[in-house]
PDB file of N, CA and C in Angstrom:
ATOM      1  N   MET A   1      51.252   3.531  14.976  1.00  0.00           N
ATOM      2  CA  MET A   1      49.928   4.402  14.576  1.00  0.00           C
ATOM      3  C   MET A   1      48.805   3.801  15.127  1.00  0.00           C
ATOM      4  N   VAL A   2      47.815   4.679  15.817  1.00  0.00           N
ATOM      5  CA  VAL A   2      46.705   4.279  16.428  1.00  0.00           C
ATOM      6  C   VAL A   2      45.644   4.547  15.397  1.00  0.00           C
ATOM      7  N   THR A   3      44.897   3.692  15.153  1.00  0.00           N
ATOM      8  CA  THR A   3      43.419   4.170  14.630  1.00  0.00           C
ATOM      9  C   THR A   3      42.530   3.833  15.161  1.00  0.00           C
ATOM     10  N   SER A   4      41.365   4.537  14.956  1.00  0.00           N
ATOM     11  CA  SER A   4      40.159   4.346  15.678  1.00  0.00           C
ATOM     12  C   SER A   4      39.019   4.385  14.610  1.00  0.00           C
ATOM     13  N   THR A   5      37.997   3.939  14.893  1.00  0.00           N
ATOM     14  CA  THR A   5      36.761   3.759  14.074  1.00  0.00           C
ATOM     15  C   THR A   5      35.456   4.413  14.740  1.00  0.00           C
ATOM     16  N   ILE A   6      34.620   5.133  13.990  1.00  0.00           N
ATOM     17  CA  ILE A   6      33.572   5.483  14.661  1.00  0.00           C
ATOM     18  C   ILE A   6      32.450   4.769  14.258  1.00  0.00           C
ATOM     19  N   GLU A   7      31.461   4.319  15.245  1.00  0.00           N
ATOM     20  CA  GLU A   7      30.242   3.322  15.104  1.00  0.00           C
ATOM     21  C   GLU A   7      29.254   4.444  15.145  1.00  0.00           C
ATOM     22  N   LEU A   8      28.201   4.320  13.851  1.00  0.00           N
ATOM     23  CA  LEU A   8      27.206   5.164  14.000  1.00  0.00           C
ATOM     24  C   LEU A   8      26.193   4.113  14.527  1.00  0.00           C
ATOM     25  N   ASN A   9      25.461   4.892  15.401  1.00  0.00           N
ATOM     26  CA  ASN A   9      23.795   3.980  15.494  1.00  0.00           C
ATOM     27  C   ASN A   9      22.823   4.826  14.599  1.00  0.00           C
ATOM     28  N   VAL A  10      22.915   3.975  13.399  1.00  0.00           N
ATOM     29  CA  VAL A  10      21.804   4.539  12.239  1.00  0.00           C
ATOM     30  C   VAL A  10      20.491   3.816  12.334  1.00  0.00           C
ATOM     31  N   SER A  11      19.495   5.331  12.776  1.00  0.00           N
ATOM     32  CA  SER A  11      18.231   4.453  13.098  1.00  0.00           C
ATOM     33  C   SER A  11      17.455   5.140  11.632  1.00  0.00           C
ATOM     34  N   ALA A  12      16.623   4.554  11.679  1.00  0.00           N
ATOM     35  CA  ALA A  12      15.664   4.547  10.315  1.00  0.00           C
ATOM     36  C   ALA A  12      14.869   5.905   9.762  1.00  0.00           C
ATOM     37  N   VAL A  13      14.654   6.057   9.065  1.00  0.00           N
ATOM     38  CA  VAL A  13      13.876   7.325   8.412  1.00  0.00           C
ATOM     39  C   VAL A  13      12.317   7.476   8.732  1.00  0.00           C
ATOM     40  N   GLU A  14      12.178   8.363   9.190  1.00  0.00           N
ATOM     41  CA  GLU A  14      10.537   8.586   9.563  1.00  0.00           C
ATOM     42  C   GLU A  14       9.672   9.194   8.758  1.00  0.00           C
ATOM     43  N   HIS A  15      10.533  10.496   8.437  1.00  0.00           N
ATOM     44  CA  HIS A  15       9.990  11.500   7.637  1.00  0.00           C
ATOM     45  C   HIS A  15      11.062  12.430   7.038  1.00  0.00           C
ATOM     46  N   VAL A  16      10.584  12.787   5.760  1.00  0.00           N
ATOM     47  CA  VAL A  16      11.383  13.531   4.882  1.00  0.00           C
ATOM     48  C   VAL A  16      10.352  14.858   4.483  1.00  0.00           C
ATOM     49  N   ALA A  17      11.203  15.846   4.538  1.00  0.00           N
ATOM     50  CA  ALA A  17      10.569  17.244   3.937  1.00  0.00           C
ATOM     51  C   ALA A  17      11.722  17.957   3.290  1.00  0.00           C
ATOM     52  N   VAL A  18      11.252  18.483   2.220  1.00  0.00           N
ATOM     53  CA  VAL A  18      12.311  19.216   1.319  1.00  0.00           C
ATOM     54  C   VAL A  18      11.787  20.435   0.958  1.00  0.00           C
ATOM     55  N   SER A  19      12.477  21.662   1.677  1.00  0.00           N
ATOM     56  CA  SER A  19      11.687  22.662   1.169  1.00  0.00           C
ATOM     57  C   SER A  19      12.890  23.576   0.356  1.00  0.00           C
ATOM     58  N   LEU A  20      12.720  24.717  -0.191  1.00  0.00           N
ATOM     59  CA  LEU A  20      13.407  25.495  -1.193  1.00  0.00           C
ATOM     60  C   LEU A  20      14.706  25.487  -0.329  1.00  0.00           C
ATOM     61  N   ASP A  21      15.008  25.467   0.650  1.00  0.00           N
ATOM     62  CA  ASP A  21      16.732  25.444   0.716  1.00  0.00           C
ATOM     63  C   ASP A  21      17.610  24.668   1.908  1.00  0.00           C
ATOM     64  N   ALA A  22      16.673  23.517   2.378  1.00  0.00           N
ATOM     65  CA  ALA A  22      17.087  22.566   3.131  1.00  0.00           C
ATOM     66  C   ALA A  22      16.037  21.110   3.244  1.00  0.00           C
ATOM     67  N   LEU A  23      17.088  19.834   3.566  1.00  0.00           N
ATOM     68  CA  LEU A  23      16.429  18.839   3.478  1.00  0.00           C
ATOM     69  C   LEU A  23      16.505  18.279   4.999  1.00  0.00           C
ATOM     70  N   THR A  24      15.171  17.766   5.397  1.00  0.00           N
ATOM     71  CA  THR A  24      15.005  17.558   6.976  1.00  0.00           C
ATOM     72  C   THR A  24      14.621  16.134   7.027  1.00  0.00           C
ATOM     73  N   VAL A  25      15.378  15.709   7.582  1.00  0.00           N
ATOM     74  CA  VAL A  25      14.906  14.031   8.007  1.00  0.00           C
ATOM     75  C   VAL A  25      14.830  13.667   9.259  1.00  0.00           C
ATOM     76  N   ASP A  26      13.399  13.082   9.493  1.00  0.00           N
ATOM     77  CA  ASP A  26      13.319  12.618  11.197  1.00  0.00           C
ATOM     78  C   ASP A  26      13.511  11.236  11.158  1.00  0.00           C
ATOM     79  N   LEU A  27      14.277  10.869  12.084  1.00  0.00           N
ATOM     80  CA  LEU A  27      14.924   9.591  12.456  1.00  0.00           C
ATOM     81  C   LEU A  27      13.847   9.028  13.498  1.00  0.00           C
ATOM     82  N   SER A  28      13.705   7.473  13.361  1.00  0.00           N
ATOM     83  CA  SER A  28      13.077   6.890  14.427  1.00  0.00           C
ATOM     84  C   SER A  28      13.437   6.946  15.832  1.00  0.00           C
ATOM     85  N   ASP A  29      14.646   7.546  15.788  1.00  0.00           N
ATOM     86  CA  ASP A  29      15.051   7.533  17.493  1.00  0.00           C
ATOM     87  C   ASP A  29      14.926   8.965  18.098  1.00  0.00           C
ATOM     88  N   GLY A  30      14.030   9.655  17.416  1.00  0.00           N
ATOM     89  CA  GLY A  30      13.764  11.217  17.686  1.00  0.00           C
ATOM     90  C   GLY A  30      14.634  12.205  17.195  1.00  0.00           C
ATOM     91  N   ARG A  31      15.751  11.823  16.808  1.00  0.00           N
ATOM     92  CA  ARG A  31      16.593  12.858  16.016  1.00  0.00           C
ATOM     93  C   ARG A  31      15.964  13.413  14.740  1.00  0.00           C
ATOM     94  N   SER A  32      16.378  14.719  14.552  1.00  0.00           N
ATOM     95  CA  SER A  32      16.077  15.195  13.206  1.00  0.00           C
ATOM     96  C   SER A  32      17.235  15.896  12.569  1.00  0.00           C
ATOM     97  N   ILE A  33      17.553  15.655  11.279  1.00  0.00           N
ATOM     98  CA  ILE A  33      18.884  16.306  10.578  1.00  0.00           C
ATOM     99  C   ILE A  33      18.386  17.117   9.441  1.00  0.00           C
ATOM    100  N   ILE A  34      18.875  18.434   9.663  1.00  0.00           N
ATOM    101  CA  ILE A  34      18.588  19.293   8.492  1.00  0.00           C
ATOM    102  C   ILE A  34      19.830  19.607   7.930  1.00  0.00           C
ATOM    103  N   VAL A  35      19.948  19.874   6.681  1.00  0.00           N
ATOM    104  CA  VAL A  35      21.159  20.065   6.178  1.00  0.00           C
ATOM    105  C   VAL A  35      20.682  20.889   4.880  1.00  0.00           C
ATOM    106  N   PRO A  36      21.744  21.808   4.237  1.00  0.00           N
ATOM    107  CA  PRO A  36      21.097  22.845   3.310  1.00  0.00           C
ATOM    108  C   PRO A  36      20.898  22.048   1.688  1.00  0.00           C
ATOM    109  N   LEU A  37      20.244  22.374   1.534  1.00  0.00           N
ATOM    110  CA  LEU A  37      19.523  21.737   0.073  1.00  0.00           C
ATOM    111  C   LEU A  37      20.927  21.901  -1.058  1.00  0.00           C
ATOM    112  N   ALA A  38      21.603  22.970  -1.014  1.00  0.00           N
ATOM    113  CA  ALA A  38      22.740  23.252  -1.559  1.00  0.00           C
ATOM    114  C   ALA A  38      24.100  22.056  -1.682  1.00  0.00           C
ATOM    115  N   TRP A  39      23.571  21.017  -0.404  1.00  0.00           N
ATOM    116  CA  TRP A  39      24.319  19.911  -0.476  1.00  0.00           C
ATOM    117  C   TRP A  39      24.167  18.866  -1.773  1.00  0.00           C
ATOM    118  N   TYR A  40      22.956  18.861  -1.970  1.00  0.00           N
ATOM    119  CA  TYR A  40      22.727  17.936  -3.060  1.00  0.00           C
ATOM    120  C   TYR A  40      22.123  18.967  -4.328  1.00  0.00           C
ATOM    121  N   PRO A  41      22.828  19.119  -5.337  1.00  0.00           N
ATOM    122  CA  PRO A  41      22.522  19.970  -6.678  1.00  0.00           C
ATOM    123  C   PRO A  41      21.240  19.374  -7.221  1.00  0.00           C
ATOM    124  N   ARG A  42      21.121  18.163  -7.273  1.00  0.00           N
ATOM    125  CA  ARG A  42      20.188  17.601  -8.008  1.00  0.00           C
ATOM    126  C   ARG A  42      18.744  17.997  -7.447  1.00  0.00           C
ATOM    127  N   LEU A  43      18.634  17.757  -6.080  1.00  0.00           N
ATOM    128  CA  LEU A  43      17.604  18.537  -5.371  1.00  0.00           C
ATOM    129  C   LEU A  43      17.397  19.804  -5.510  1.00  0.00           C
ATOM    130  N   MET A  44      18.308  20.474  -5.752  1.00  0.00           N
ATOM    131  CA  MET A  44      18.294  21.988  -5.727  1.00  0.00           C
ATOM    132  C   MET A  44      17.490  22.222  -7.045  1.00  0.00           C
ATOM    133  N   ASN A  45      17.795  21.745  -8.204  1.00  0.00           N
ATOM    134  CA  ASN A  45      17.605  21.896  -9.323  1.00  0.00           C
ATOM    135  C   ASN A  45      16.270  21.095  -9.739  1.00  0.00           C
ATOM    136  N   ALA A  46      15.626  20.391  -8.819  1.00  0.00           N
ATOM    137  CA  ALA A  46      14.238  19.794  -9.114  1.00  0.00           C
ATOM    138  C   ALA A  46      13.157  20.499  -8.763  1.00  0.00           C
ATOM    139  N   THR A  47      11.915  20.378  -9.249  1.00  0.00           N
ATOM    140  CA  THR A  47      10.885  20.839  -9.173  1.00  0.00           C
ATOM    141  C   THR A  47      10.177  20.447  -7.744  1.00  0.00           C
ATOM    142  N   GLU A  48       9.386  21.332  -7.384  1.00  0.00           N
ATOM    143  CA  GLU A  48       8.449  20.909  -6.221  1.00  0.00           C
ATOM    144  C   GLU A  48       8.091  19.449  -5.963  1.00  0.00           C
ATOM    145  N   SER A  49       7.460  19.322  -7.257  1.00  0.00           N
ATOM    146  CA  SER A  49       6.924  17.806  -7.498  1.00  0.00           C
ATOM    147  C   SER A  49       7.991  16.631  -7.476  1.00  0.00           C
ATOM    148  N   GLU A  50       9.186  16.951  -8.085  1.00  0.00           N
ATOM    149  CA  GLU A  50      10.227  15.930  -8.080  1.00  0.00           C
ATOM    150  C   GLU A  50      10.638  15.907  -6.499  1.00  0.00           C
ATOM    151  N   ARG A  51      11.020  17.025  -5.974  1.00  0.00           N
ATOM    152  CA  ARG A  51      11.548  17.116  -4.612  1.00  0.00           C
ATOM    153  C   ARG A  51      10.400  16.242  -3.488  1.00  0.00           C
ATOM    154  N   GLN A  52       9.538  15.975  -3.785  1.00  0.00           N
ATOM    155  CA  GLN A  52       8.400  15.634  -2.936  1.00  0.00           C
ATOM    156  C   GLN A  52       7.906  13.986  -3.509  1.00  0.00           C
ATOM    157  N   ASN A  53       8.654  13.652  -4.092  1.00  0.00           N
ATOM    158  CA  ASN A  53       8.551  12.049  -5.041  1.00  0.00           C
ATOM    159  C   ASN A  53       9.588  11.225  -4.399  1.00  0.00           C
ATOM    160  N   TRP A  54       9.687  10.986  -3.043  1.00  0.00           N
ATOM    161  CA  TRP A  54      10.715   9.957  -2.714  1.00  0.00           C
ATOM    162  C   TRP A  54      10.457   8.728  -1.968  1.00  0.00           C
ATOM    163  N   ARG A  55      11.215   8.014  -1.769  1.00  0.00           N
ATOM    164  CA  ARG A  55      10.810   6.712  -1.169  1.00  0.00           C
ATOM    165  C   ARG A  55      11.942   6.204  -0.230  1.00  0.00           C
ATOM    166  N   LEU A  56      11.677   5.358   0.684  1.00  0.00           N
ATOM    167  CA  LEU A  56      12.620   4.856   1.296  1.00  0.00           C
ATOM    168  C   LEU A  56      13.612   3.612   1.017  1.00  0.00           C
ATOM    169  N   ILE A  57      14.853   3.358   1.205  1.00  0.00           N
ATOM    170  CA  ILE A  57      15.336   2.357   0.535  1.00  0.00           C
ATOM    171  C   ILE A  57      16.018   1.586   1.839  1.00  0.00           C
ATOM    172  N   GLY A  58      16.472   0.456   1.425  1.00  0.00           N
ATOM    173  CA  GLY A  58      17.725   0.094   2.733  1.00  0.00           C
ATOM    174  C   GLY A  58      17.014  -0.125   3.963  1.00  0.00           C
ATOM    175  N   LYS A  59      15.733  -0.705   3.992  1.00  0.00           N
ATOM    176  CA  LYS A  59      14.933  -0.776   5.174  1.00  0.00           C
ATOM    177  C   LYS A  59      14.739   0.583   6.041  1.00  0.00           C
ATOM    178  N   GLY A  60      14.830   1.759   5.368  1.00  0.00           N
ATOM    179  CA  GLY A  60      14.620   3.116   6.017  1.00  0.00           C
ATOM    180  C   GLY A  60      15.901   3.721   6.073  1.00  0.00           C
ATOM    181  N   HIS A  61      17.035   3.133   5.911  1.00  0.00           N
ATOM    182  CA  HIS A  61      18.496   3.679   5.936  1.00  0.00           C
ATOM    183  C   HIS A  61      19.098   4.632   4.935  1.00  0.00           C
ATOM    184  N   GLY A  62      17.651   4.896   3.871  1.00  0.00           N
ATOM    185  CA  GLY A  62      18.289   5.791   2.879  1.00  0.00           C
ATOM    186  C   GLY A  62      17.034   6.537   2.018  1.00  0.00           C
ATOM    187  N   ILE A  63      17.253   7.236   1.540  1.00  0.00           N
ATOM    188  CA  ILE A  63      16.212   7.942   0.721  1.00  0.00           C
ATOM    189  C   ILE A  63      16.359   8.199  -0.902  1.00  0.00           C
ATOM    190  N   HIS A  64      15.740   7.503  -1.754  1.00  0.00           N
ATOM    191  CA  HIS A  64      15.402   7.422  -3.052  1.00  0.00           C
ATOM    192  C   HIS A  64      14.618   8.612  -3.672  1.00  0.00           C
ATOM    193  N   TRP A  65      15.162   9.372  -5.038  1.00  0.00           N
ATOM    194  CA  TRP A  65      14.234  10.164  -5.519  1.00  0.00           C
ATOM    195  C   TRP A  65      14.770   9.393  -7.029  1.00  0.00           C
ATOM    196  N   LYS A  66      13.399   8.630  -7.796  1.00  0.00           N
ATOM    197  CA  LYS A  66      13.448   8.173  -8.898  1.00  0.00           C
ATOM    198  C   LYS A  66      13.948   9.006 -10.243  1.00  0.00           C
ATOM    199  N   GLU A  67      13.146  10.077  -9.942  1.00  0.00           N
ATOM    200  CA  GLU A  67      13.245  10.913 -11.393  1.00  0.00           C
ATOM    201  C   GLU A  67      14.524  11.656 -11.215  1.00  0.00           C
ATOM    202  N   LEU A  68      15.120  11.992  -9.953  1.00  0.00           N
ATOM    203  CA  LEU A  68      16.489  12.905 -10.177  1.00  0.00           C
ATOM    204  C   LEU A  68      17.446  11.963 -10.014  1.00  0.00           C
ATOM    205  N   ASP A  69      17.224  10.362  -9.995  1.00  0.00           N
ATOM    206  CA  ASP A  69      18.425   9.428  -9.610  1.00  0.00           C
ATOM    207  C   ASP A  69      19.178   9.626  -8.778  1.00  0.00           C
ATOM    208  N   GLU A  70      18.735  10.205  -7.701  1.00  0.00           N
ATOM    209  CA  GLU A  70      19.472  10.434  -6.245  1.00  0.00           C
ATOM    210  C   GLU A  70      19.039   9.652  -4.918  1.00  0.00           C
ATOM    211  N   ASP A  71      20.341   9.327  -4.276  1.00  0.00           N
ATOM    212  CA  ASP A  71      20.058   8.457  -3.230  1.00  0.00           C
ATOM    213  C   ASP A  71      21.237   9.082  -2.185  1.00  0.00           C
ATOM    214  N   ILE A  72      20.414   9.004  -1.158  1.00  0.00           N
ATOM    215  CA  ILE A  72      20.889   9.867   0.399  1.00  0.00           C
ATOM    216  C   ILE A  72      20.894   9.219   1.730  1.00  0.00           C
ATOM    217  N   SER A  73      21.810   8.642   2.084  1.00  0.00           N
ATOM    218  CA  SER A  73      21.846   7.652   2.953  1.00  0.00           C
ATOM    219  C   SER A  73      21.797   8.433   4.484  1.00  0.00           C
ATOM    220  N   VAL A  74      21.132   7.650   5.659  1.00  0.00           N
ATOM    221  CA  VAL A  74      21.378   8.601   6.849  1.00  0.00           C
ATOM    222  C   VAL A  74      22.487   8.552   7.496  1.00  0.00           C
ATOM    223  N   GLU A  75      23.374   7.486   7.064  1.00  0.00           N
ATOM    224  CA  GLU A  75      25.077   7.515   7.344  1.00  0.00           C
ATOM    225  C   GLU A  75      25.298   8.564   6.818  1.00  0.00           C
ATOM    226  N   GLY A  76      25.353   9.411   5.736  1.00  0.00           N
ATOM    227  CA  GLY A  76      25.726  10.167   4.991  1.00  0.00           C
ATOM    228  C   GLY A  76      25.437  11.435   5.500  1.00  0.00           C
ATOM    229  N   LEU A  77      24.452  11.677   5.985  1.00  0.00           N
ATOM    230  CA  LEU A  77      23.511  12.780   6.945  1.00  0.00           C
ATOM    231  C   LEU A  77      24.068  13.062   8.168  1.00  0.00           C
ATOM    232  N   LEU A  78      24.163  11.876   8.455  1.00  0.00           N
ATOM    233  CA  LEU A  78      24.741  12.111  10.149  1.00  0.00           C
ATOM    234  C   LEU A  78      26.293  12.460  10.295  1.00  0.00           C
ATOM    235  N   LEU A  79      27.002  11.926   9.253  1.00  0.00           N
ATOM    236  CA  LEU A  79      28.474  12.227   9.006  1.00  0.00           C
ATOM    237  C   LEU A  79      28.843  13.613   8.377  1.00  0.00           C
ATOM    238  N   GLY A  80      27.582  14.347   7.966  1.00  0.00           N
ATOM    239  CA  GLY A  80      27.604  15.506   7.407  1.00  0.00           C
ATOM    240  C   GLY A  80      28.442  15.588   6.080  1.00  0.00           C
ATOM    241  N   LYS A  81      27.954  14.750   5.144  1.00  0.00           N
ATOM    242  CA  LYS A  81      28.591  14.291   4.052  1.00  0.00           C
ATOM    243  C   LYS A  81      27.565  15.092   3.113  1.00  0.00           C
ATOM    244  N   PRO A  82      28.091  16.004   1.968  1.00  0.00           N
ATOM    245  CA  PRO A  82      27.185  16.432   1.216  1.00  0.00           C
ATOM    246  C   PRO A  82      27.326  15.607  -0.174  1.00  0.00           C
ATOM    247  N   SER A  83      26.681  15.862  -0.989  1.00  0.00           N
ATOM    248  CA  SER A  83      26.722  15.066  -2.611  1.00  0.00           C
ATOM    249  C   SER A  83      27.999  14.606  -2.699  1.00  0.00           C
ATOM    250  N   GLY A  84      28.521  13.667  -3.458  1.00  0.00           N
ATOM    251  CA  GLY A  84      29.648  13.324  -3.530  1.00  0.00           C
ATOM    252  C   GLY A  84      29.987  13.135  -5.165  1.00  0.00           C
ATOM    253  N   GLU A  85      28.805  13.601  -5.964  1.00  0.00           N
ATOM    254  CA  GLU A  85      28.704  13.930  -7.350  1.00  0.00           C
ATOM    255  C   GLU A  85      29.727  14.629  -8.053  1.00  0.00           C
ATOM    256  N   SER A  86      30.589  14.349  -9.021  1.00  0.00           N
ATOM    257  CA  SER A  86      31.533  15.264  -9.537  1.00  0.00           C
ATOM    258  C   SER A  86      30.842  16.341 -10.424  1.00  0.00           C
ATOM    259  N   GLN A  87      31.490  17.509 -10.620  1.00  0.00           N
ATOM    260  CA  GLN A  87      30.847  18.464 -11.326  1.00  0.00           C
ATOM    261  C   GLN A  87      30.309  17.841 -12.710  1.00  0.00           C
ATOM    262  N   THR A  88      31.257  17.176 -13.225  1.00  0.00           N
ATOM    263  CA  THR A  88      31.263  16.747 -14.863  1.00  0.00           C
ATOM    264  C   THR A  88      29.886  15.893 -15.008  1.00  0.00           C
ATOM    265  N   SER A  89      29.613  15.027 -13.644  1.00  0.00           N
ATOM    266  CA  SER A  89      28.483  14.485 -13.899  1.00  0.00           C
ATOM    267  C   SER A  89      27.187  15.086 -13.725  1.00  0.00           C
ATOM    268  N   PHE A  90      27.461  16.324 -12.751  1.00  0.00           N
ATOM    269  CA  PHE A  90      26.414  17.059 -12.389  1.00  0.00           C
ATOM    270  C   PHE A  90      25.825  17.610 -13.651  1.00  0.00           C
ATOM    271  N   LYS A  91      26.983  18.289 -14.134  1.00  0.00           N
ATOM    272  CA  LYS A  91      26.656  19.248 -15.592  1.00  0.00           C
ATOM    273  C   LYS A  91      26.137  18.594 -16.590  1.00  0.00           C
ATOM    274  N   ARG A  92      26.490  17.121 -16.824  1.00  0.00           N
ATOM    275  CA  ARG A  92      26.060  16.109 -17.549  1.00  0.00           C
ATOM    276  C   ARG A  92      24.577  15.900 -17.078  1.00  0.00           C
ATOM    277  N   TRP A  93      24.256  15.816 -16.230  1.00  0.00           N
ATOM    278  CA  TRP A  93      22.738  15.305 -15.896  1.00  0.00           C
ATOM    279  C   TRP A  93      22.038  16.653 -15.991  1.00  0.00           C
ATOM    280  N   LEU A  94      22.350  18.001 -15.661  1.00  0.00           N
ATOM    281  CA  LEU A  94      21.420  19.311 -15.848  1.00  0.00           C
ATOM    282  C   LEU A  94      21.277  19.529 -17.134  1.00  0.00           C
ATOM    283  N   SER A  95      22.526  19.060 -18.081  1.00  0.00           N
ATOM    284  CA  SER A  95      22.475  19.424 -19.599  1.00  0.00           C
ATOM    285  C   SER A  95      21.316  18.482 -20.308  1.00  0.00           C
ATOM    286  N   ASP A  96      21.221  17.128 -19.900  1.00  0.00           N
ATOM    287  CA  ASP A  96      20.116  16.376 -20.392  1.00  0.00           C
ATOM    288  C   ASP A  96      18.918  16.587 -19.765  1.00  0.00           C
ATOM    289  N   ARG A  97      18.782  17.044 -18.507  1.00  0.00           N
ATOM    290  CA  ARG A  97      17.316  17.419 -18.238  1.00  0.00           C
ATOM    291  C   ARG A  97      16.943  18.784 -18.934  1.00  0.00           C
ATOM    292  N   VAL A  98      17.789  19.737 -19.174  1.00  0.00           N
ATOM    293  CA  VAL A  98      17.392  20.890 -19.988  1.00  0.00           C
ATOM    294  C   VAL A  98      16.645  20.822 -21.395  1.00  0.00           C
ATOM    295  N   SER A  99      17.872  19.492 -22.015  1.00  0.00           N
ATOM    296  CA  SER A  99      17.541  19.107 -23.623  1.00  0.00           C
ATOM    297  C   SER A  99      16.096  18.218 -23.462  1.00  0.00           C
ATOM    298  N   SER A 100      15.953  17.473 -22.540  1.00  0.00           N
ATOM    299  CA  SER A 100      14.725  16.751 -22.494  1.00  0.00           C
ATOM    300  C   SER A 100      13.518  17.490 -22.231  1.00  0.00           C
ATOM    301  N   SER A 101      13.801  18.482 -21.761  1.00  0.00           N
ATOM    302  CA  SER A 101      12.369  19.439 -21.129  1.00  0.00           C
ATOM    303  C   SER A 101      12.317  20.519 -22.227  1.00  0.00           C
ATOM    304  N   ALA A 102      12.975  20.432 -23.360  1.00  0.00           N
ATOM    305  CA  ALA A 102      12.856  21.610 -24.576  1.00  0.00           C
ATOM    306  C   ALA A 102      11.413  21.138 -25.580  1.00  0.00           C
TER     307      ALA A 102
END
């Protein structure tokens, strides 16, 4: 059996923009990655203010939203990986979110 690995050249994040329907990440090597916001349910259900409150982590190789407890890596974006959060976990988070805002 022959296996191969894919090596990714992971550049650092330069800029992040979150709209109502997309996450756009500009990288230091000039690439831009645009993915549907639906890939990240916590971002989909966030307020505009929460979506804009991000910081870089891992020397710019990831993005963190503290209020949403959401982390997205450049590697995951390059590989086209949506959120790996289970529906059970997301529903619990959403329920807690609704309860705390009531």
